């Protein structure tokens, strides 16, 4: 599986998809340098990253969220 640069057009489409499916407040922010991923924000908090994957001509996007154990302490 290869990864290629995630562009602004794709970021807009992924943002629209995530807003429709998960939360209308989610935002996709491109990183300052060309990269295979962008960051997903809810307000000022970065929830994770979305990565672009290209395999045998098929393109997919993976959303990875990281939850720190200290974030769970108050629950």
PDB file of N, CA and C in Angstrom:
ATOM      1  N   UNK A   1       0.854  -1.171   0.000  1.00  0.00           N
ATOM      2  CA  UNK A   1       0.000   0.000   0.000  1.00  0.00           C
ATOM      3  C   UNK A   1       0.896   1.227   0.000  1.00  0.00           C
ATOM      4  N   UNK A   2       0.665   2.151  -0.894  1.00  0.00           N
ATOM      5  CA  UNK A   2       1.464   3.366  -0.939  1.00  0.00           C
ATOM      6  C   UNK A   2       0.644   4.546  -0.434  1.00  0.00           C
ATOM      7  N   UNK A   3       1.340   5.563   0.021  1.00  0.00           N
ATOM      8  CA  UNK A   3       0.675   6.772   0.479  1.00  0.00           C
ATOM      9  C   UNK A   3       1.142   7.926  -0.384  1.00  0.00           C
ATOM     10  N   UNK A   4       0.231   8.823  -0.702  1.00  0.00           N
ATOM     11  CA  UNK A   4       0.570   9.984  -1.498  1.00  0.00           C
ATOM     12  C   UNK A   4       0.097  11.239  -0.780  1.00  0.00           C
ATOM     13  N   UNK A   5       0.468  12.373  -1.293  1.00  0.00           N
ATOM     14  CA  UNK A   5       0.157  13.643  -0.645  1.00  0.00           C
ATOM     15  C   UNK A   5      -1.353  13.880  -0.599  1.00  0.00           C
ATOM     16  N   UNK A   6      -1.802  14.275   0.560  1.00  0.00           N
ATOM     17  CA  UNK A   6      -3.196  14.627   0.832  1.00  0.00           C
ATOM     18  C   UNK A   6      -3.369  16.083   0.434  1.00  0.00           C
ATOM     19  N   UNK A   7      -4.309  16.400  -0.475  1.00  0.00           N
ATOM     20  CA  UNK A   7      -4.426  17.783  -0.963  1.00  0.00           C
ATOM     21  C   UNK A   7      -5.671  18.484  -0.401  1.00  0.00           C
ATOM     22  N   UNK A   8      -5.782  19.782  -0.675  1.00  0.00           N
ATOM     23  CA  UNK A   8      -6.870  20.598  -0.127  1.00  0.00           C
ATOM     24  C   UNK A   8      -8.248  20.165  -0.624  1.00  0.00           C
ATOM     25  N   UNK A   9      -8.344  19.742  -1.861  1.00  0.00           N
ATOM     26  CA  UNK A   9      -9.625  19.270  -2.389  1.00  0.00           C
ATOM     27  C   UNK A   9     -10.103  18.035  -1.633  1.00  0.00           C
ATOM     28  N   UNK A  10      -9.182  17.104  -1.414  1.00  0.00           N
ATOM     29  CA  UNK A  10      -9.529  15.897  -0.653  1.00  0.00           C
ATOM     30  C   UNK A  10      -9.894  16.252   0.782  1.00  0.00           C
ATOM     31  N   UNK A  11      -9.157  17.179   1.376  1.00  0.00           N
ATOM     32  CA  UNK A  11      -9.436  17.595   2.752  1.00  0.00           C
ATOM     33  C   UNK A  11     -10.856  18.143   2.868  1.00  0.00           C
ATOM     34  N   UNK A  12     -11.279  18.927   1.914  1.00  0.00           N
ATOM     35  CA  UNK A  12     -12.638  19.489   1.926  1.00  0.00           C
ATOM     36  C   UNK A  12     -13.692  18.392   1.831  1.00  0.00           C
ATOM     37  N   UNK A  13     -13.458  17.422   0.977  1.00  0.00           N
ATOM     38  CA  UNK A  13     -14.406  16.318   0.815  1.00  0.00           C
ATOM     39  C   UNK A  13     -14.464  15.446   2.065  1.00  0.00           C
ATOM     40  N   UNK A  14     -13.303  15.141   2.638  1.00  0.00           N
ATOM     41  CA  UNK A  14     -13.264  14.335   3.861  1.00  0.00           C
ATOM     42  C   UNK A  14     -13.937  15.094   5.002  1.00  0.00           C
ATOM     43  N   UNK A  15     -13.694  16.398   5.087  1.00  0.00           N
ATOM     44  CA  UNK A  15     -14.331  17.210   6.127  1.00  0.00           C
ATOM     45  C   UNK A  15     -15.849  17.155   5.996  1.00  0.00           C
ATOM     46  N   UNK A  16     -16.361  17.312   4.793  1.00  0.00           N
ATOM     47  CA  UNK A  16     -17.811  17.256   4.575  1.00  0.00           C
ATOM     48  C   UNK A  16     -18.370  15.894   4.989  1.00  0.00           C
ATOM     49  N   UNK A  17     -17.651  14.829   4.655  1.00  0.00           N
ATOM     50  CA  UNK A  17     -18.081  13.482   5.017  1.00  0.00           C
ATOM     51  C   UNK A  17     -18.118  13.321   6.536  1.00  0.00           C
ATOM     52  N   UNK A  18     -17.037  13.720   7.223  1.00  0.00           N
ATOM     53  CA  UNK A  18     -16.972  13.577   8.674  1.00  0.00           C
ATOM     54  C   UNK A  18     -18.022  14.439   9.375  1.00  0.00           C
ATOM     55  N   UNK A  19     -18.261  15.632   8.864  1.00  0.00           N
ATOM     56  CA  UNK A  19     -19.278  16.500   9.457  1.00  0.00           C
ATOM     57  C   UNK A  19     -20.664  15.888   9.315  1.00  0.00           C
ATOM     58  N   UNK A  20     -20.930  15.293   8.169  1.00  0.00           N
ATOM     59  CA  UNK A  20     -22.237  14.678   7.931  1.00  0.00           C
ATOM     60  C   UNK A  20     -22.425  13.431   8.787  1.00  0.00           C
ATOM     61  N   UNK A  21     -21.386  12.628   8.913  1.00  0.00           N
ATOM     62  CA  UNK A  21     -21.511  11.347   9.598  1.00  0.00           C
ATOM     63  C   UNK A  21     -21.270  11.406  11.113  1.00  0.00           C
ATOM     64  N   UNK A  22     -20.375  12.305  11.563  1.00  0.00           N
ATOM     65  CA  UNK A  22     -19.975  12.291  12.969  1.00  0.00           C
ATOM     66  C   UNK A  22     -20.360  13.535  13.760  1.00  0.00           C
ATOM     67  N   UNK A  23     -19.931  14.705  13.274  1.00  0.00           N
ATOM     68  CA  UNK A  23     -20.167  15.924  14.034  1.00  0.00           C
ATOM     69  C   UNK A  23     -19.999  17.120  13.103  1.00  0.00           C
ATOM     70  N   UNK A  24     -20.991  17.999  13.029  1.00  0.00           N
ATOM     71  CA  UNK A  24     -20.901  19.137  12.117  1.00  0.00           C
ATOM     72  C   UNK A  24     -19.828  20.159  12.498  1.00  0.00           C
ATOM     73  N   UNK A  25     -19.244  20.016  13.676  1.00  0.00           N
ATOM     74  CA  UNK A  25     -18.199  20.947  14.129  1.00  0.00           C
ATOM     75  C   UNK A  25     -16.783  20.489  13.787  1.00  0.00           C
ATOM     76  N   UNK A  26     -16.619  19.281  13.251  1.00  0.00           N
ATOM     77  CA  UNK A  26     -15.278  18.781  12.928  1.00  0.00           C
ATOM     78  C   UNK A  26     -14.644  19.590  11.801  1.00  0.00           C
ATOM     79  N   UNK A  27     -13.340  19.775  11.905  1.00  0.00           N
ATOM     80  CA  UNK A  27     -12.590  20.493  10.865  1.00  0.00           C
ATOM     81  C   UNK A  27     -11.364  19.679  10.477  1.00  0.00           C
ATOM     82  N   UNK A  28     -11.058  19.687   9.196  1.00  0.00           N
ATOM     83  CA  UNK A  28      -9.837  19.056   8.691  1.00  0.00           C
ATOM     84  C   UNK A  28      -8.844  20.177   8.408  1.00  0.00           C
ATOM     85  N   UNK A  29      -7.674  20.077   9.007  1.00  0.00           N
ATOM     86  CA  UNK A  29      -6.631  21.080   8.785  1.00  0.00           C
ATOM     87  C   UNK A  29      -5.409  20.421   8.162  1.00  0.00           C
ATOM     88  N   UNK A  30      -4.984  21.013   7.075  1.00  0.00           N
ATOM     89  CA  UNK A  30      -3.780  20.534   6.416  1.00  0.00           C
ATOM     90  C   UNK A  30      -2.570  20.880   7.269  1.00  0.00           C
ATOM     91  N   UNK A  31      -1.558  20.055   7.195  1.00  0.00           N
ATOM     92  CA  UNK A  31      -0.300  20.363   7.867  1.00  0.00           C
ATOM     93  C   UNK A  31       0.460  21.379   7.021  1.00  0.00           C
ATOM     94  N   UNK A  32       1.438  22.059   7.616  1.00  0.00           N
ATOM     95  CA  UNK A  32       2.154  23.106   6.889  1.00  0.00           C
ATOM     96  C   UNK A  32       3.019  22.555   5.770  1.00  0.00           C
ATOM     97  N   UNK A  33       3.531  21.356   5.920  1.00  0.00           N
ATOM     98  CA  UNK A  33       4.338  20.762   4.855  1.00  0.00           C
ATOM     99  C   UNK A  33       3.500  19.711   4.141  1.00  0.00           C
ATOM    100  N   UNK A  34       3.774  19.489   2.861  1.00  0.00           N
ATOM    101  CA  UNK A  34       3.034  18.434   2.146  1.00  0.00           C
ATOM    102  C   UNK A  34       3.197  17.094   2.875  1.00  0.00           C
ATOM    103  N   UNK A  35       2.110  16.405   3.055  1.00  0.00           N
ATOM    104  CA  UNK A  35       2.119  15.186   3.847  1.00  0.00           C
ATOM    105  C   UNK A  35       1.036  14.247   3.328  1.00  0.00           C
ATOM    106  N   UNK A  36       1.074  13.017   3.805  1.00  0.00           N
ATOM    107  CA  UNK A  36       0.050  12.054   3.422  1.00  0.00           C
ATOM    108  C   UNK A  36      -1.159  12.110   4.349  1.00  0.00           C
ATOM    109  N   UNK A  37      -1.140  13.043   5.308  1.00  0.00           N
ATOM    110  CA  UNK A  37      -2.266  13.125   6.226  1.00  0.00           C
ATOM    111  C   UNK A  37      -2.584  14.571   6.598  1.00  0.00           C
ATOM    112  N   UNK A  38      -3.748  14.741   7.218  1.00  0.00           N
ATOM    113  CA  UNK A  38      -4.198  16.029   7.735  1.00  0.00           C
ATOM    114  C   UNK A  38      -4.719  15.780   9.148  1.00  0.00           C
ATOM    115  N   UNK A  39      -4.868  16.843   9.912  1.00  0.00           N
ATOM    116  CA  UNK A  39      -5.323  16.719  11.295  1.00  0.00           C
ATOM    117  C   UNK A  39      -6.816  17.007  11.394  1.00  0.00           C
ATOM    118  N   UNK A  40      -7.482  16.293  12.306  1.00  0.00           N
ATOM    119  CA  UNK A  40      -8.906  16.462  12.547  1.00  0.00           C
ATOM    120  C   UNK A  40      -9.080  17.182  13.884  1.00  0.00           C
ATOM    121  N   UNK A  41      -9.822  18.288  13.860  1.00  0.00           N
ATOM    122  CA  UNK A  41     -10.038  19.092  15.062  1.00  0.00           C
ATOM    123  C   UNK A  41     -11.507  19.178  15.409  1.00  0.00           C
ATOM    124  N   UNK A  42     -11.763  19.222  16.703  1.00  0.00           N
ATOM    125  CA  UNK A  42     -13.070  19.573  17.243  1.00  0.00           C
ATOM    126  C   UNK A  42     -12.802  20.756  18.157  1.00  0.00           C
ATOM    127  N   UNK A  43     -13.183  21.948  17.711  1.00  0.00           N
ATOM    128  CA  UNK A  43     -12.790  23.169  18.407  1.00  0.00           C
ATOM    129  C   UNK A  43     -11.284  23.314  18.312  1.00  0.00           C
ATOM    130  N   UNK A  44     -10.635  23.558  19.438  1.00  0.00           N
ATOM    131  CA  UNK A  44      -9.177  23.731  19.459  1.00  0.00           C
ATOM    132  C   UNK A  44      -8.437  22.422  19.702  1.00  0.00           C
ATOM    133  N   UNK A  45      -9.184  21.343  19.934  1.00  0.00           N
ATOM    134  CA  UNK A  45      -8.563  20.058  20.273  1.00  0.00           C
ATOM    135  C   UNK A  45      -8.344  19.190  19.034  1.00  0.00           C
ATOM    136  N   UNK A  46      -7.106  18.753  18.857  1.00  0.00           N
ATOM    137  CA  UNK A  46      -6.795  17.816  17.772  1.00  0.00           C
ATOM    138  C   UNK A  46      -7.201  16.426  18.217  1.00  0.00           C
ATOM    139  N   UNK A  47      -8.128  15.818  17.487  1.00  0.00           N
ATOM    140  CA  UNK A  47      -8.608  14.473  17.825  1.00  0.00           C
ATOM    141  C   UNK A  47      -7.757  13.379  17.226  1.00  0.00           C
ATOM    142  N   UNK A  48      -7.169  13.653  16.072  1.00  0.00           N
ATOM    143  CA  UNK A  48      -6.395  12.626  15.390  1.00  0.00           C
ATOM    144  C   UNK A  48      -6.016  13.078  14.001  1.00  0.00           C
ATOM    145  N   UNK A  49      -5.706  12.099  13.165  1.00  0.00           N
ATOM    146  CA  UNK A  49      -5.298  12.394  11.799  1.00  0.00           C
ATOM    147  C   UNK A  49      -6.092  11.537  10.816  1.00  0.00           C
ATOM    148  N   UNK A  50      -6.208  12.049   9.608  1.00  0.00           N
ATOM    149  CA  UNK A  50      -6.791  11.292   8.514  1.00  0.00           C
ATOM    150  C   UNK A  50      -5.685  11.120   7.476  1.00  0.00           C
ATOM    151  N   UNK A  51      -5.477   9.892   7.046  1.00  0.00           N
ATOM    152  CA  UNK A  51      -4.410   9.576   6.100  1.00  0.00           C
ATOM    153  C   UNK A  51      -4.989   9.092   4.783  1.00  0.00           C
ATOM    154  N   UNK A  52      -4.284   9.412   3.722  1.00  0.00           N
ATOM    155  CA  UNK A  52      -4.656   8.955   2.386  1.00  0.00           C
ATOM    156  C   UNK A  52      -3.834   7.720   2.048  1.00  0.00           C
ATOM    157  N   UNK A  53      -4.511   6.694   1.564  1.00  0.00           N
ATOM    158  CA  UNK A  53      -3.856   5.452   1.167  1.00  0.00           C
ATOM    159  C   UNK A  53      -4.270   5.096  -0.253  1.00  0.00           C
ATOM    160  N   UNK A  54      -3.294   4.766  -1.091  1.00  0.00           N
ATOM    161  CA  UNK A  54      -3.569   4.338  -2.460  1.00  0.00           C
ATOM    162  C   UNK A  54      -2.987   2.942  -2.622  1.00  0.00           C
ATOM    163  N   UNK A  55      -3.838   1.999  -3.020  1.00  0.00           N
ATOM    164  CA  UNK A  55      -3.422   0.617  -3.200  1.00  0.00           C
ATOM    165  C   UNK A  55      -4.076   0.068  -4.458  1.00  0.00           C
ATOM    166  N   UNK A  56      -3.268  -0.333  -5.412  1.00  0.00           N
ATOM    167  CA  UNK A  56      -3.751  -0.905  -6.670  1.00  0.00           C
ATOM    168  C   UNK A  56      -4.785  -0.008  -7.347  1.00  0.00           C
ATOM    169  N   UNK A  57      -4.546   1.291  -7.322  1.00  0.00           N
ATOM    170  CA  UNK A  57      -5.430   2.230  -7.983  1.00  0.00           C
ATOM    171  C   UNK A  57      -6.642   2.652  -7.168  1.00  0.00           C
ATOM    172  N   UNK A  58      -6.853   2.038  -6.025  1.00  0.00           N
ATOM    173  CA  UNK A  58      -7.974   2.381  -5.149  1.00  0.00           C
ATOM    174  C   UNK A  58      -7.484   3.337  -4.060  1.00  0.00           C
ATOM    175  N   UNK A  59      -8.225   4.415  -3.830  1.00  0.00           N
ATOM    176  CA  UNK A  59      -7.873   5.383  -2.802  1.00  0.00           C
ATOM    177  C   UNK A  59      -8.828   5.250  -1.629  1.00  0.00           C
ATOM    178  N   UNK A  60      -8.264   5.250  -0.435  1.00  0.00           N
ATOM    179  CA  UNK A  60      -9.071   5.233   0.785  1.00  0.00           C
ATOM    180  C   UNK A  60      -8.467   6.218   1.777  1.00  0.00           C
ATOM    181  N   UNK A  61      -9.253   6.549   2.789  1.00  0.00           N
ATOM    182  CA  UNK A  61      -8.815   7.487   3.822  1.00  0.00           C
ATOM    183  C   UNK A  61      -9.061   6.841   5.175  1.00  0.00           C
ATOM    184  N   UNK A  62      -8.065   6.885   6.046  1.00  0.00           N
ATOM    185  CA  UNK A  62      -8.163   6.284   7.374  1.00  0.00           C
ATOM    186  C   UNK A  62      -8.132   7.374   8.425  1.00  0.00           C
ATOM    187  N   UNK A  63      -9.089   7.345   9.334  1.00  0.00           N
ATOM    188  CA  UNK A  63      -9.161   8.294  10.436  1.00  0.00           C
ATOM    189  C   UNK A  63      -8.652   7.595  11.684  1.00  0.00           C
ATOM    190  N   UNK A  64      -7.573   8.100  12.251  1.00  0.00           N
ATOM    191  CA  UNK A  64      -6.980   7.519  13.453  1.00  0.00           C
ATOM    192  C   UNK A  64      -7.094   8.511  14.595  1.00  0.00           C
ATOM    193  N   UNK A  65      -7.728   8.067  15.674  1.00  0.00           N
ATOM    194  CA  UNK A  65      -7.882   8.912  16.852  1.00  0.00           C
ATOM    195  C   UNK A  65      -7.035   8.317  17.978  1.00  0.00           C
ATOM    196  N   UNK A  66      -6.335   9.189  18.689  1.00  0.00           N
ATOM    197  CA  UNK A  66      -5.505   8.760  19.804  1.00  0.00           C
ATOM    198  C   UNK A  66      -6.147   9.245  21.095  1.00  0.00           C
ATOM    199  N   UNK A  67      -6.327   8.322  22.040  1.00  0.00           N
ATOM    200  CA  UNK A  67      -6.895   8.664  23.342  1.00  0.00           C
ATOM    201  C   UNK A  67      -5.825   8.365  24.389  1.00  0.00           C
ATOM    202  N   UNK A  68      -5.391   9.404  25.077  1.00  0.00           N
ATOM    203  CA  UNK A  68      -4.393   9.234  26.122  1.00  0.00           C
ATOM    204  C   UNK A  68      -5.051   8.739  27.408  1.00  0.00           C
ATOM    205  N   UNK A  69      -4.335   7.925  28.167  1.00  0.00           N
ATOM    206  CA  UNK A  69      -4.896   7.401  29.410  1.00  0.00           C
ATOM    207  C   UNK A  69      -5.243   8.522  30.388  1.00  0.00           C
ATOM    208  N   UNK A  70      -4.495   9.617  30.374  1.00  0.00           N
ATOM    209  CA  UNK A  70      -4.803  10.720  31.281  1.00  0.00           C
ATOM    210  C   UNK A  70      -6.110  11.403  30.918  1.00  0.00           C
ATOM    211  N   UNK A  71      -6.518  11.303  29.661  1.00  0.00           N
ATOM    212  CA  UNK A  71      -7.808  11.859  29.239  1.00  0.00           C
ATOM    213  C   UNK A  71      -8.977  11.074  29.811  1.00  0.00           C
ATOM    214  N   UNK A  72      -8.732   9.845  30.211  1.00  0.00           N
ATOM    215  CA  UNK A  72      -9.782   8.986  30.733  1.00  0.00           C
ATOM    216  C   UNK A  72      -9.929   9.089  32.261  1.00  0.00           C
ATOM    217  N   UNK A  73      -8.980   9.742  32.904  1.00  0.00           N
ATOM    218  CA  UNK A  73      -8.969   9.805  34.379  1.00  0.00           C
ATOM    219  C   UNK A  73     -10.212  10.453  34.968  1.00  0.00           C
ATOM    220  N   UNK A  74     -10.760  11.456  34.314  1.00  0.00           N
ATOM    221  CA  UNK A  74     -11.910  12.186  34.863  1.00  0.00           C
ATOM    222  C   UNK A  74     -13.254  11.566  34.496  1.00  0.00           C
ATOM    223  N   UNK A  75     -13.234  10.459  33.806  1.00  0.00           N
ATOM    224  CA  UNK A  75     -14.514   9.828  33.393  1.00  0.00           C
ATOM    225  C   UNK A  75     -14.992   8.820  34.404  1.00  0.00           C
TER     226      UNK A  75
END
